[in-house]
Amino acid sequence: MQRKIFTFNSNRSPILNSVQLQKYFKECLKNCQEEIIVCSAFITIRGIEWFYNNLQNKDIKCRVISRWNRGDLLSKVSDIEVYNFCKKIGWSFEIIENLHAKFYLMDNRDLISGSLNLTAKGFGLVPISNKEFGNYFEALDEDIKNINIFLDDTIVVTDEIFNEYKKYLEDNKDFVIQKLPELPEKIRKLKEKKLTKLWVNDFLFNEPEILMNKFNENNEDIIHDKFLLDIANEDKLSLQELKSNFVNLDLYKWFIKQIKNKDNKSFSFGELSALIHNSLFDDPKPYRKEIKNLQANFIKFLEILEFENIKIERPNYSQVISYID
């Protein structure tokens, strides 16, 4: 195979994960003085606010480019309110049809490109976030040239255009995104074989009673748990629905896999706590006390949902969880 020839050289970072990318963004935004170009298919208020709040120079010139197709706005992966936010601070908001690119250019020098959209999940601003990769580059003249050619196709959003979009959304406010049907069991089990890693975000953050009673509240912990349980539109959560969705959690599947592989098919509270601590891939890991609190809450769910194959006892004041074939 012929060796590829690279006609341009540029200083660049290694491939960066979401946490590392956030650090690069903060540094670049702090140092940015003149101009920014934001290009992201999806943009939410939470994302654009974070971006603005990390700027040292608030009077900077900025072009914000998004896609804004009807599915994006109806499903709220992009927020229509981003236009008013940009207008208020004097930024230009523009759209490109079929946009999929994501890049962020600061002072025609600092260029970050990768998979992350300017959303809370894309930038790792919420507990359950996307797994993203990207790179930092020192932009070359050829990069700037290609970006400018690309941006020739943008449409600048005006109040008139915004009001047309707003009316469209109001006319279709009752539109419901249909829940996708489940994948076949064979395909779902392919993922279960990989359940060796745990993350703090795999745990439900609310106690069962709080989750049931405050299910329709719009706070981050409730949103996190609803996302994990794959329940979107319901105002109330029944115990039966909670149980049927709980068994699909990665944490529950990981737990069942671990306990079934034990010779005595049981865990003391301390054994399970140590196993969770050693299986967590968060860096830094939470304190053991925090892990025990997450674990205790997980066991509360096991108790209240009354699984036939799980028995929880308290000999000598210490919990023992057993699996019954």
Protein backbone atom coordinates (compact mmCIF):
# COMPACT_ATOMS: atom_id res chain seq x y z
CA MET A 1 0.00 0.00 0.00
CA GLN A 2 1.38 3.41 -0.98
CA ARG A 3 2.32 5.65 1.93
CA LYS A 4 0.03 8.68 2.29
CA ILE A 5 1.65 12.05 1.76
CA PHE A 6 0.72 14.79 4.23
CA THR A 7 1.14 18.14 2.53
CA PHE A 8 0.60 20.19 5.70
CA ASN A 9 2.04 19.99 9.16
CA SER A 10 0.36 21.39 12.25
CA ASN A 11 0.78 21.30 15.99
CA ARG A 12 -1.98 19.13 17.38
CA SER A 13 -3.00 17.35 20.52
CA PRO A 14 -3.42 13.60 20.92
CA ILE A 15 -6.99 12.31 20.64
CA LEU A 16 -8.89 13.78 23.61
CA ASN A 17 -11.85 12.41 25.54
CA SER A 18 -14.74 14.56 26.81
CA VAL A 19 -13.06 15.55 30.09
CA GLN A 20 -9.80 16.48 28.37
CA LEU A 21 -11.63 18.39 25.63
CA GLN A 22 -13.46 20.47 28.22
CA LYS A 23 -10.11 21.55 29.71
CA TYR A 24 -8.81 22.58 26.28
CA PHE A 25 -11.98 24.56 25.62
CA LYS A 26 -11.72 26.42 28.91
CA GLU A 27 -8.13 27.41 28.19
CA CYS A 28 -8.85 28.49 24.60
CA LEU A 29 -11.95 30.47 25.58
CA LYS A 30 -10.09 32.21 28.39
CA ASN A 31 -7.37 33.34 25.96
CA CYS A 32 -9.64 34.18 23.02
CA GLN A 33 -9.74 37.93 22.31
CA GLU A 34 -11.17 38.66 18.87
CA GLU A 35 -13.36 36.14 17.10
CA ILE A 36 -15.00 32.72 17.38
CA ILE A 37 -16.72 30.44 14.90
CA VAL A 38 -18.93 27.75 16.43
CA CYS A 39 -20.15 25.06 14.05
CA SER A 40 -22.29 22.31 15.57
CA ALA A 41 -25.23 20.36 14.16
CA PHE A 42 -27.00 20.44 17.55
CA ILE A 43 -26.87 23.38 19.96
CA THR A 44 -28.75 23.73 23.23
CA ILE A 45 -29.13 26.62 25.65
CA ARG A 46 -27.11 24.77 28.30
CA GLY A 47 -24.26 24.30 25.82
CA ILE A 48 -24.13 27.87 24.48
CA GLU A 49 -24.40 29.35 27.99
CA TRP A 50 -21.45 27.26 29.18
CA PHE A 51 -19.46 28.40 26.15
CA TYR A 52 -20.25 32.08 26.79
CA ASN A 53 -19.63 31.88 30.54
CA ASN A 54 -16.11 30.55 29.99
CA LEU A 55 -15.12 33.50 27.81
CA GLN A 56 -12.85 36.04 29.43
CA ASN A 57 -13.72 38.66 26.80
CA LYS A 58 -17.52 38.86 26.69
CA ASP A 59 -17.50 41.43 23.84
CA ILE A 60 -16.03 39.01 21.37
CA LYS A 61 -17.34 38.62 17.81
CA CYS A 62 -18.95 35.22 17.23
CA ARG A 63 -20.70 33.30 14.46
CA VAL A 64 -22.81 30.36 15.65
CA ILE A 65 -23.78 27.85 12.97
CA SER A 66 -26.27 25.03 13.54
CA ARG A 67 -28.52 22.76 11.46
CA TRP A 68 -32.04 23.34 12.77
CA ASN A 69 -33.90 20.74 10.74
CA ARG A 70 -37.45 20.00 11.89
CA GLY A 71 -36.52 16.76 13.64
CA ASP A 72 -33.79 18.50 15.66
CA LEU A 73 -36.20 21.13 16.96
CA LEU A 74 -39.20 18.88 17.50
CA SER A 75 -37.12 16.35 19.44
CA LYS A 76 -35.32 19.22 21.26
CA VAL A 77 -31.82 18.02 20.51
CA SER A 78 -31.43 21.67 19.46
CA ASP A 79 -33.11 24.55 21.31
CA ILE A 80 -34.88 27.29 19.39
CA GLU A 81 -34.11 29.68 22.26
CA VAL A 82 -30.42 29.66 21.22
CA TYR A 83 -31.31 32.28 18.58
CA ASN A 84 -32.59 34.76 21.18
CA PHE A 85 -29.56 34.11 23.39
CA CYS A 86 -27.21 34.91 20.49
CA LYS A 87 -29.24 37.95 19.46
CA LYS A 88 -29.16 39.34 23.01
CA ILE A 89 -25.35 39.26 23.19
CA GLY A 90 -24.78 40.38 19.61
CA TRP A 91 -23.73 37.06 18.09
CA SER A 92 -24.72 35.99 14.59
CA PHE A 93 -26.83 32.81 14.46
CA GLU A 94 -26.76 30.93 11.16
CA ILE A 95 -27.96 27.62 9.77
CA ILE A 96 -26.76 25.15 7.13
CA GLU A 97 -28.96 22.43 5.72
CA ASN A 98 -27.68 18.86 6.28
CA LEU A 99 -24.92 20.09 8.58
CA HIS A 100 -23.05 17.33 10.39
CA ALA A 101 -19.67 19.00 11.01
CA LYS A 102 -18.54 20.03 14.49
CA PHE A 103 -15.66 22.46 14.89
CA TYR A 104 -14.79 25.45 17.04
CA LEU A 105 -12.31 28.07 15.77
CA MET A 106 -10.99 30.74 18.13
CA ASP A 107 -8.99 33.76 16.93
CA ASN A 108 -8.29 31.96 13.63
CA ARG A 109 -5.69 29.99 15.60
CA ASP A 110 -7.10 27.53 18.11
CA LEU A 111 -9.16 24.87 16.32
CA ILE A 112 -11.01 22.05 18.09
CA SER A 113 -12.75 19.47 15.95
CA GLY A 114 -14.35 16.14 16.79
CA SER A 115 -17.63 14.42 17.52
CA LEU A 116 -19.02 16.73 20.20
CA ASN A 117 -22.02 18.98 19.61
CA LEU A 118 -22.51 22.15 21.65
CA THR A 119 -24.99 20.51 24.02
CA ALA A 120 -24.93 19.56 27.69
CA LYS A 121 -24.42 15.90 26.79
CA GLY A 122 -21.83 16.67 24.12
CA PHE A 123 -19.70 18.80 26.45
CA GLY A 124 -20.09 16.53 29.50
CA LEU A 125 -22.13 19.06 31.50
CA VAL A 126 -24.70 16.55 32.82
CA PRO A 127 -24.24 13.26 34.67
CA ILE A 128 -25.22 11.10 31.70
CA SER A 129 -23.16 12.48 28.82
CA ASN A 130 -22.05 11.27 25.43
CA LYS A 131 -18.72 9.57 24.86
CA GLU A 132 -16.86 11.96 22.59
CA PHE A 133 -13.47 12.26 20.94
CA GLY A 134 -11.75 15.25 19.39
CA ASN A 135 -8.46 17.02 18.70
CA TYR A 136 -6.97 20.45 19.26
CA PHE A 137 -5.02 21.96 16.34
CA GLU A 138 -3.17 25.14 15.59
CA ALA A 139 -5.12 26.19 12.51
CA LEU A 140 -3.23 26.55 9.23
CA ASP A 141 -4.02 29.01 6.45
CA GLU A 142 -5.47 26.12 4.44
CA ASP A 143 -7.79 25.24 7.34
CA ILE A 144 -9.09 28.81 7.48
CA LYS A 145 -9.57 28.84 3.71
CA ASN A 146 -11.60 25.60 3.73
CA ILE A 147 -13.70 26.75 6.69
CA ASN A 148 -14.55 30.01 4.94
CA ILE A 149 -15.57 28.14 1.77
CA PHE A 150 -17.73 25.83 3.89
CA LEU A 151 -19.43 28.77 5.62
CA ASP A 152 -20.39 30.44 2.34
CA ASP A 153 -23.54 28.27 2.43
CA THR A 154 -24.91 29.59 5.74
CA ILE A 155 -28.25 31.37 6.08
CA VAL A 156 -28.30 34.13 8.69
CA VAL A 157 -31.36 33.72 10.90
CA THR A 158 -33.44 36.89 11.31
CA ASP A 159 -36.44 37.62 13.53
CA GLU A 160 -38.69 36.84 10.57
CA ILE A 161 -37.10 33.41 10.02
CA PHE A 162 -37.09 32.72 13.78
CA ASN A 163 -40.80 33.53 14.04
CA GLU A 164 -41.58 31.11 11.20
CA TYR A 165 -39.73 28.33 13.05
CA LYS A 166 -41.45 29.28 16.31
CA LYS A 167 -44.89 29.14 14.69
CA TYR A 168 -44.06 25.75 13.18
CA LEU A 169 -43.13 24.38 16.62
CA GLU A 170 -46.28 25.84 18.21
CA ASP A 171 -48.44 24.32 15.46
CA ASN A 172 -46.83 20.94 16.12
CA LYS A 173 -46.48 21.12 19.91
CA ASP A 174 -48.51 17.92 20.37
CA PHE A 175 -46.19 15.94 18.13
CA VAL A 176 -44.89 12.93 20.04
CA ILE A 177 -41.58 11.28 19.25
CA GLN A 178 -42.35 7.58 19.07
CA LYS A 179 -40.40 5.24 21.30
CA LEU A 180 -38.27 2.87 19.27
CA PRO A 181 -39.08 -0.85 19.45
CA GLU A 182 -36.69 -3.06 21.42
CA LEU A 183 -33.83 -4.81 19.66
CA PRO A 184 -33.96 -8.61 19.45
CA GLU A 185 -32.75 -10.38 22.59
CA LYS A 186 -29.71 -11.87 20.81
CA ILE A 187 -28.45 -8.40 19.94
CA ARG A 188 -29.13 -7.05 23.43
CA LYS A 189 -27.11 -9.91 24.92
CA LEU A 190 -24.08 -9.00 22.83
CA LYS A 191 -23.76 -5.87 24.95
CA GLU A 192 -24.22 -7.79 28.21
CA LYS A 193 -21.07 -9.80 27.51
CA LYS A 194 -19.13 -6.54 27.67
CA LEU A 195 -20.45 -5.48 31.07
CA THR A 196 -17.11 -5.37 32.89
CA LYS A 197 -16.85 -1.61 33.50
CA LEU A 198 -18.96 0.48 35.84
CA TRP A 199 -19.40 4.25 35.97
CA VAL A 200 -20.98 6.37 38.69
CA ASN A 201 -23.53 7.50 36.10
CA ASP A 202 -24.75 3.90 35.79
CA PHE A 203 -26.38 4.29 39.22
CA LEU A 204 -29.79 5.81 39.84
CA PHE A 205 -29.31 9.00 41.86
CA ASN A 206 -32.74 9.22 43.53
CA GLU A 207 -34.17 6.93 46.16
CA PRO A 208 -37.17 4.90 44.94
CA GLU A 209 -39.76 6.96 46.82
CA ILE A 210 -38.37 10.28 45.58
CA LEU A 211 -38.18 9.04 42.01
CA MET A 212 -41.78 7.81 42.11
CA ASN A 213 -43.19 10.93 43.80
CA LYS A 214 -41.23 13.57 41.88
CA PHE A 215 -40.97 11.88 38.52
CA ASN A 216 -42.33 14.85 36.56
CA GLU A 217 -39.96 17.42 38.13
CA ASN A 218 -37.33 19.00 35.94
CA ASN A 219 -34.16 18.63 38.03
CA GLU A 220 -30.89 17.06 36.92
CA ASP A 221 -31.07 13.96 39.12
CA ILE A 222 -34.60 13.13 37.94
CA ILE A 223 -33.61 13.75 34.30
CA HIS A 224 -30.57 11.50 34.81
CA ASP A 225 -32.70 8.66 36.20
CA LYS A 226 -35.39 9.01 33.51
CA PHE A 227 -32.67 8.80 30.87
CA LEU A 228 -31.20 5.66 32.45
CA LEU A 229 -34.62 4.05 32.68
CA ASP A 230 -35.43 5.08 29.10
CA ILE A 231 -38.70 6.73 30.11
CA ALA A 232 -39.34 10.07 28.42
CA ASN A 233 -42.84 11.50 28.35
CA GLU A 234 -44.81 10.00 31.23
CA ASP A 235 -45.83 12.30 34.11
CA LYS A 236 -46.13 9.38 36.53
CA LEU A 237 -44.09 6.26 37.04
CA SER A 238 -45.81 3.05 38.09
CA LEU A 239 -44.03 0.41 40.13
CA GLN A 240 -44.55 -2.13 37.36
CA GLU A 241 -43.03 0.17 34.73
CA LEU A 242 -40.11 0.93 37.03
CA LYS A 243 -39.50 -2.79 37.51
CA SER A 244 -39.66 -3.66 33.80
CA ASN A 245 -37.20 -0.87 32.92
CA PHE A 246 -34.92 -1.41 35.92
CA VAL A 247 -33.88 -4.84 34.65
CA ASN A 248 -32.52 -3.18 31.49
CA LEU A 249 -30.07 -1.01 33.43
CA ASP A 250 -26.40 -1.80 32.79
CA LEU A 251 -25.86 -1.73 36.56
CA TYR A 252 -28.53 -4.38 37.18
CA LYS A 253 -27.19 -6.59 34.38
CA TRP A 254 -23.64 -6.18 35.70
CA PHE A 255 -24.81 -7.10 39.22
CA ILE A 256 -26.69 -10.21 38.06
CA LYS A 257 -23.69 -11.33 36.03
CA GLN A 258 -21.36 -10.90 39.03
CA ILE A 259 -23.57 -12.61 41.61
CA LYS A 260 -24.38 -15.57 39.34
CA ASN A 261 -20.65 -16.12 38.80
CA LYS A 262 -19.97 -16.42 42.54
CA ASP A 263 -19.79 -19.94 43.96
CA ASN A 264 -22.22 -19.20 46.79
CA LYS A 265 -24.25 -16.75 44.63
CA SER A 266 -24.31 -14.12 47.36
CA PHE A 267 -22.64 -10.88 48.41
CA SER A 268 -22.25 -9.29 51.78
CA PHE A 269 -22.62 -5.52 51.71
CA GLY A 270 -18.85 -5.13 52.18
CA GLU A 271 -17.98 -7.60 49.41
CA LEU A 272 -20.25 -5.85 46.94
CA SER A 273 -18.90 -2.45 47.97
CA ALA A 274 -15.30 -3.56 47.32
CA LEU A 275 -16.26 -5.08 43.97
CA ILE A 276 -18.04 -1.89 42.86
CA HIS A 277 -15.06 0.23 43.91
CA ASN A 278 -12.65 -1.95 41.92
CA SER A 279 -14.95 -2.00 38.87
CA LEU A 280 -15.50 1.77 38.63
CA PHE A 281 -13.64 3.49 35.79
CA ASP A 282 -14.35 7.07 36.85
CA ASP A 283 -11.17 9.11 37.29
CA PRO A 284 -10.90 10.19 40.00
CA LYS A 285 -12.92 7.51 41.71
CA PRO A 286 -15.51 8.65 44.24
CA TYR A 287 -14.83 8.21 47.94
CA ARG A 288 -15.81 4.84 49.41
CA LYS A 289 -18.53 6.55 51.44
CA GLU A 290 -20.11 7.85 48.22
CA ILE A 291 -19.91 4.38 46.67
CA LYS A 292 -21.63 2.89 49.71
CA ASN A 293 -24.43 5.44 49.41
CA LEU A 294 -24.94 4.60 45.73
CA GLN A 295 -24.85 0.90 46.56
CA ALA A 296 -27.33 1.27 49.43
CA ASN A 297 -29.72 3.06 47.08
CA PHE A 298 -29.35 0.30 44.48
CA ILE A 299 -30.25 -2.28 47.15
CA LYS A 300 -33.33 -0.21 48.11
CA PHE A 301 -34.54 -0.60 44.54
CA LEU A 302 -33.93 -4.35 44.69
CA GLU A 303 -36.01 -4.49 47.87
CA ILE A 304 -38.93 -2.38 46.76
CA LEU A 305 -39.19 -4.11 43.38
CA GLU A 306 -39.31 -7.57 45.04
CA PHE A 307 -37.50 -9.69 42.48
CA GLU A 308 -38.29 -13.37 42.92
CA ASN A 309 -34.70 -14.49 42.29
CA ILE A 310 -33.10 -11.98 44.69
CA LYS A 311 -33.20 -12.41 48.46
CA ILE A 312 -31.98 -9.75 50.89
CA GLU A 313 -31.32 -10.68 54.52
CA ARG A 314 -29.76 -8.94 57.52
CA PRO A 315 -28.00 -11.48 59.71
CA ASN A 316 -26.08 -9.72 62.47
CA TYR A 317 -27.19 -6.32 61.15
CA SER A 318 -25.22 -6.74 57.90
CA GLN A 319 -27.01 -7.07 54.57
CA VAL A 320 -26.50 -10.19 52.48
CA ILE A 321 -27.84 -10.32 48.94
CA SER A 322 -28.38 -13.77 47.42
CA TYR A 323 -29.34 -14.97 43.98
CA ILE A 324 -31.85 -17.84 43.82
CA ASP A 325 -31.88 -20.00 40.70
